[in-house]
């Protein structure tokens, strides 16, 4: 575990707190570790989303819908011959 941690405060409903406490007990870990793991998961998901959006915005190697239709039509015409 990292030794350089920052303290933060969150507010949970009694039900959320009890559920987290039970889960930590069942997994033999701390509530803090479960929360850190959940936060890490969210951050990694956001990074994946940003990388995916960046990749989708790259136009190199892509064609327009009209170009695709024209190429497909040409292939279909060749196969009819």
N, C-alpha and C. Protein backbone atom coordinates (compact mmCIF):
# COMPACT_ATOMS: atom_id res chain seq x y z
N UNK A 1 0.84 -1.18 0.00
CA UNK A 1 0.00 0.00 0.00
C UNK A 1 0.88 1.24 0.00
N UNK A 2 0.45 2.24 -0.72
CA UNK A 2 1.20 3.49 -0.77
C UNK A 2 1.20 4.15 0.60
N UNK A 3 2.34 4.72 0.96
CA UNK A 3 2.43 5.37 2.26
C UNK A 3 2.08 6.84 2.19
N UNK A 4 2.04 7.41 1.01
CA UNK A 4 1.74 8.83 0.85
C UNK A 4 0.29 8.99 0.42
N UNK A 5 -0.62 8.94 1.38
CA UNK A 5 -2.05 9.02 1.10
C UNK A 5 -2.60 10.35 1.58
N UNK A 6 -3.64 10.83 0.91
CA UNK A 6 -4.35 12.04 1.31
C UNK A 6 -5.63 11.64 2.01
N UNK A 7 -5.99 12.36 3.04
CA UNK A 7 -7.22 12.10 3.78
C UNK A 7 -8.37 12.85 3.12
N UNK A 8 -9.52 12.21 3.05
CA UNK A 8 -10.72 12.85 2.55
C UNK A 8 -11.90 12.39 3.39
N UNK A 9 -12.98 13.09 3.30
CA UNK A 9 -14.18 12.74 4.06
C UNK A 9 -15.33 12.55 3.09
N UNK A 10 -16.09 11.49 3.29
CA UNK A 10 -17.30 11.27 2.50
C UNK A 10 -18.45 11.03 3.47
N UNK A 11 -19.64 11.29 3.00
CA UNK A 11 -20.83 11.06 3.81
C UNK A 11 -21.62 9.92 3.17
N UNK A 12 -21.93 8.92 3.97
CA UNK A 12 -22.70 7.77 3.52
C UNK A 12 -23.99 7.70 4.31
N UNK A 13 -25.00 7.15 3.68
CA UNK A 13 -26.22 6.87 4.43
C UNK A 13 -25.91 5.72 5.39
N UNK A 14 -26.72 5.55 6.41
CA UNK A 14 -26.49 4.41 7.31
C UNK A 14 -26.50 3.07 6.56
N UNK A 15 -27.35 2.96 5.56
CA UNK A 15 -27.42 1.71 4.78
C UNK A 15 -26.15 1.50 3.98
N UNK A 16 -25.64 2.55 3.36
CA UNK A 16 -24.41 2.44 2.59
C UNK A 16 -23.25 2.08 3.51
N UNK A 17 -23.19 2.73 4.65
CA UNK A 17 -22.11 2.47 5.60
C UNK A 17 -22.15 1.01 6.06
N UNK A 18 -23.32 0.53 6.41
CA UNK A 18 -23.45 -0.85 6.88
C UNK A 18 -23.10 -1.84 5.77
N UNK A 19 -23.57 -1.57 4.57
CA UNK A 19 -23.24 -2.46 3.46
C UNK A 19 -21.74 -2.49 3.19
N UNK A 20 -21.11 -1.35 3.23
CA UNK A 20 -19.65 -1.27 3.01
C UNK A 20 -18.90 -1.97 4.14
N UNK A 21 -19.37 -1.78 5.38
CA UNK A 21 -18.74 -2.41 6.53
C UNK A 21 -18.81 -3.93 6.42
N UNK A 22 -19.98 -4.44 6.04
CA UNK A 22 -20.15 -5.90 5.90
C UNK A 22 -19.28 -6.45 4.77
N UNK A 23 -19.25 -5.72 3.64
CA UNK A 23 -18.43 -6.17 2.52
C UNK A 23 -16.95 -6.21 2.90
N UNK A 24 -16.50 -5.20 3.59
CA UNK A 24 -15.11 -5.16 4.04
C UNK A 24 -14.81 -6.35 4.97
N UNK A 25 -15.74 -6.64 5.86
CA UNK A 25 -15.57 -7.77 6.77
C UNK A 25 -15.49 -9.09 5.98
N UNK A 26 -16.41 -9.26 5.03
CA UNK A 26 -16.44 -10.50 4.24
C UNK A 26 -15.17 -10.67 3.41
N UNK A 27 -14.65 -9.56 2.91
CA UNK A 27 -13.45 -9.63 2.06
C UNK A 27 -12.16 -9.51 2.87
N UNK A 28 -12.32 -9.40 4.18
CA UNK A 28 -11.17 -9.28 5.08
C UNK A 28 -10.25 -8.12 4.67
N UNK A 29 -10.87 -7.00 4.48
CA UNK A 29 -10.14 -5.79 4.12
C UNK A 29 -10.78 -4.61 4.83
N UNK A 30 -10.28 -3.43 4.56
CA UNK A 30 -10.84 -2.24 5.22
C UNK A 30 -11.84 -1.55 4.30
N UNK A 31 -12.70 -0.77 4.93
CA UNK A 31 -13.65 0.04 4.16
C UNK A 31 -12.86 1.04 3.29
N UNK A 32 -11.80 1.58 3.83
CA UNK A 32 -10.99 2.55 3.10
C UNK A 32 -10.41 1.93 1.82
N UNK A 33 -9.95 0.68 1.92
CA UNK A 33 -9.39 0.02 0.74
C UNK A 33 -10.47 -0.20 -0.32
N UNK A 34 -11.66 -0.60 0.10
CA UNK A 34 -12.75 -0.78 -0.85
C UNK A 34 -13.06 0.54 -1.56
N UNK A 35 -13.07 1.63 -0.81
CA UNK A 35 -13.36 2.93 -1.40
C UNK A 35 -12.23 3.38 -2.33
N UNK A 36 -10.97 3.14 -1.94
CA UNK A 36 -9.84 3.48 -2.83
C UNK A 36 -9.93 2.67 -4.12
N UNK A 37 -10.24 1.39 -4.00
CA UNK A 37 -10.37 0.53 -5.20
C UNK A 37 -11.48 1.02 -6.12
N UNK A 38 -12.60 1.43 -5.52
CA UNK A 38 -13.72 1.94 -6.32
C UNK A 38 -13.34 3.25 -7.01
N UNK A 39 -12.63 4.12 -6.30
CA UNK A 39 -12.19 5.38 -6.90
C UNK A 39 -11.23 5.12 -8.05
N UNK A 40 -10.31 4.18 -7.86
CA UNK A 40 -9.36 3.84 -8.91
C UNK A 40 -10.09 3.30 -10.15
N UNK A 41 -11.09 2.49 -9.93
CA UNK A 41 -11.88 1.94 -11.03
C UNK A 41 -12.54 3.06 -11.84
N UNK A 42 -13.10 4.04 -11.15
CA UNK A 42 -13.74 5.18 -11.82
C UNK A 42 -12.72 5.96 -12.63
N UNK A 43 -11.56 6.22 -12.04
CA UNK A 43 -10.52 6.98 -12.74
C UNK A 43 -10.01 6.24 -13.97
N UNK A 44 -9.82 4.92 -13.85
CA UNK A 44 -9.37 4.13 -14.99
C UNK A 44 -10.43 4.09 -16.09
N UNK A 45 -11.70 3.98 -15.71
CA UNK A 45 -12.78 4.00 -16.69
C UNK A 45 -12.80 5.32 -17.44
N UNK A 46 -12.63 6.42 -16.73
CA UNK A 46 -12.63 7.73 -17.36
C UNK A 46 -11.46 7.88 -18.32
N UNK A 47 -10.30 7.36 -17.94
CA UNK A 47 -9.14 7.39 -18.83
C UNK A 47 -9.41 6.58 -20.09
N UNK A 48 -10.01 5.40 -19.94
CA UNK A 48 -10.35 4.57 -21.10
C UNK A 48 -11.34 5.29 -22.01
N UNK A 49 -12.32 5.96 -21.44
CA UNK A 49 -13.30 6.71 -22.22
C UNK A 49 -12.61 7.81 -23.02
N UNK A 50 -11.73 8.55 -22.36
CA UNK A 50 -11.04 9.65 -23.04
C UNK A 50 -10.16 9.12 -24.18
N UNK A 51 -9.47 8.01 -23.96
CA UNK A 51 -8.65 7.41 -25.02
C UNK A 51 -9.52 6.92 -26.17
N UNK A 52 -10.66 6.35 -25.85
CA UNK A 52 -11.57 5.88 -26.89
C UNK A 52 -12.12 7.02 -27.71
N UNK A 53 -12.50 8.11 -27.05
CA UNK A 53 -13.00 9.28 -27.78
C UNK A 53 -11.93 9.88 -28.67
N UNK A 54 -10.70 9.90 -28.17
CA UNK A 54 -9.58 10.42 -28.97
C UNK A 54 -9.38 9.55 -30.22
N UNK A 55 -9.45 8.23 -30.04
CA UNK A 55 -9.28 7.32 -31.17
C UNK A 55 -10.42 7.48 -32.18
N UNK A 56 -11.63 7.68 -31.68
CA UNK A 56 -12.77 7.85 -32.59
C UNK A 56 -12.68 9.15 -33.38
N UNK A 57 -12.04 10.16 -32.81
CA UNK A 57 -11.95 11.44 -33.50
C UNK A 57 -10.85 11.46 -34.55
N UNK A 58 -9.96 10.48 -34.52
CA UNK A 58 -8.90 10.41 -35.52
C UNK A 58 -9.51 10.01 -36.87
N UNK A 59 -9.27 10.82 -37.88
CA UNK A 59 -9.87 10.56 -39.19
C UNK A 59 -8.95 9.81 -40.13
N UNK A 60 -7.69 9.67 -39.79
CA UNK A 60 -6.75 8.98 -40.66
C UNK A 60 -7.18 7.53 -40.88
N UNK A 61 -7.24 7.14 -42.14
CA UNK A 61 -7.62 5.77 -42.45
C UNK A 61 -9.11 5.52 -42.47
N UNK A 62 -9.91 6.56 -42.33
CA UNK A 62 -11.35 6.38 -42.36
C UNK A 62 -11.92 6.90 -43.68
N UNK A 63 -13.12 6.46 -43.99
CA UNK A 63 -13.80 6.92 -45.19
C UNK A 63 -15.19 7.40 -44.80
N UNK A 64 -15.76 8.21 -45.65
CA UNK A 64 -17.11 8.70 -45.37
C UNK A 64 -18.13 7.62 -45.72
N UNK A 65 -19.35 7.84 -45.27
CA UNK A 65 -20.43 6.90 -45.58
C UNK A 65 -20.65 6.84 -47.08
N UNK A 66 -20.57 7.97 -47.75
CA UNK A 66 -20.77 8.01 -49.20
C UNK A 66 -19.67 7.22 -49.91
N UNK A 67 -18.42 7.38 -49.47
CA UNK A 67 -17.31 6.62 -50.06
C UNK A 67 -17.52 5.12 -49.87
N UNK A 68 -17.97 4.75 -48.69
CA UNK A 68 -18.23 3.33 -48.41
C UNK A 68 -19.30 2.79 -49.36
N UNK A 69 -20.38 3.54 -49.52
CA UNK A 69 -21.46 3.09 -50.40
C UNK A 69 -20.97 2.94 -51.84
N UNK A 70 -20.17 3.88 -52.30
CA UNK A 70 -19.64 3.81 -53.67
C UNK A 70 -18.75 2.59 -53.84
N UNK A 71 -17.87 2.34 -52.89
CA UNK A 71 -16.98 1.17 -52.97
C UNK A 71 -17.78 -0.13 -52.95
N UNK A 72 -18.78 -0.18 -52.11
CA UNK A 72 -19.60 -1.38 -52.02
C UNK A 72 -20.36 -1.62 -53.33
N UNK A 73 -20.89 -0.53 -53.89
CA UNK A 73 -21.61 -0.65 -55.15
C UNK A 73 -20.69 -1.17 -56.25
N UNK A 74 -19.46 -0.68 -56.30
CA UNK A 74 -18.49 -1.15 -57.30
C UNK A 74 -18.20 -2.63 -57.11
N UNK A 75 -18.02 -3.07 -55.85
CA UNK A 75 -17.75 -4.49 -55.59
C UNK A 75 -18.93 -5.34 -56.01
N UNK A 76 -20.14 -4.89 -55.76
CA UNK A 76 -21.33 -5.65 -56.13
C UNK A 76 -21.44 -5.73 -57.64
N UNK A 77 -21.10 -4.66 -58.34
CA UNK A 77 -21.16 -4.68 -59.80
C UNK A 77 -20.13 -5.66 -60.36
N UNK A 78 -18.95 -5.72 -59.78
CA UNK A 78 -17.91 -6.64 -60.25
C UNK A 78 -18.33 -8.10 -60.03
N UNK A 79 -19.01 -8.36 -58.92
CA UNK A 79 -19.41 -9.73 -58.63
C UNK A 79 -20.56 -10.19 -59.53
N UNK A 80 -21.32 -9.24 -60.12
CA UNK A 80 -22.41 -9.59 -61.01
C UNK A 80 -21.91 -9.97 -62.39
N UNK A 81 -20.69 -9.54 -62.72
CA UNK A 81 -20.15 -9.84 -64.06
C UNK A 81 -19.78 -11.24 -64.14
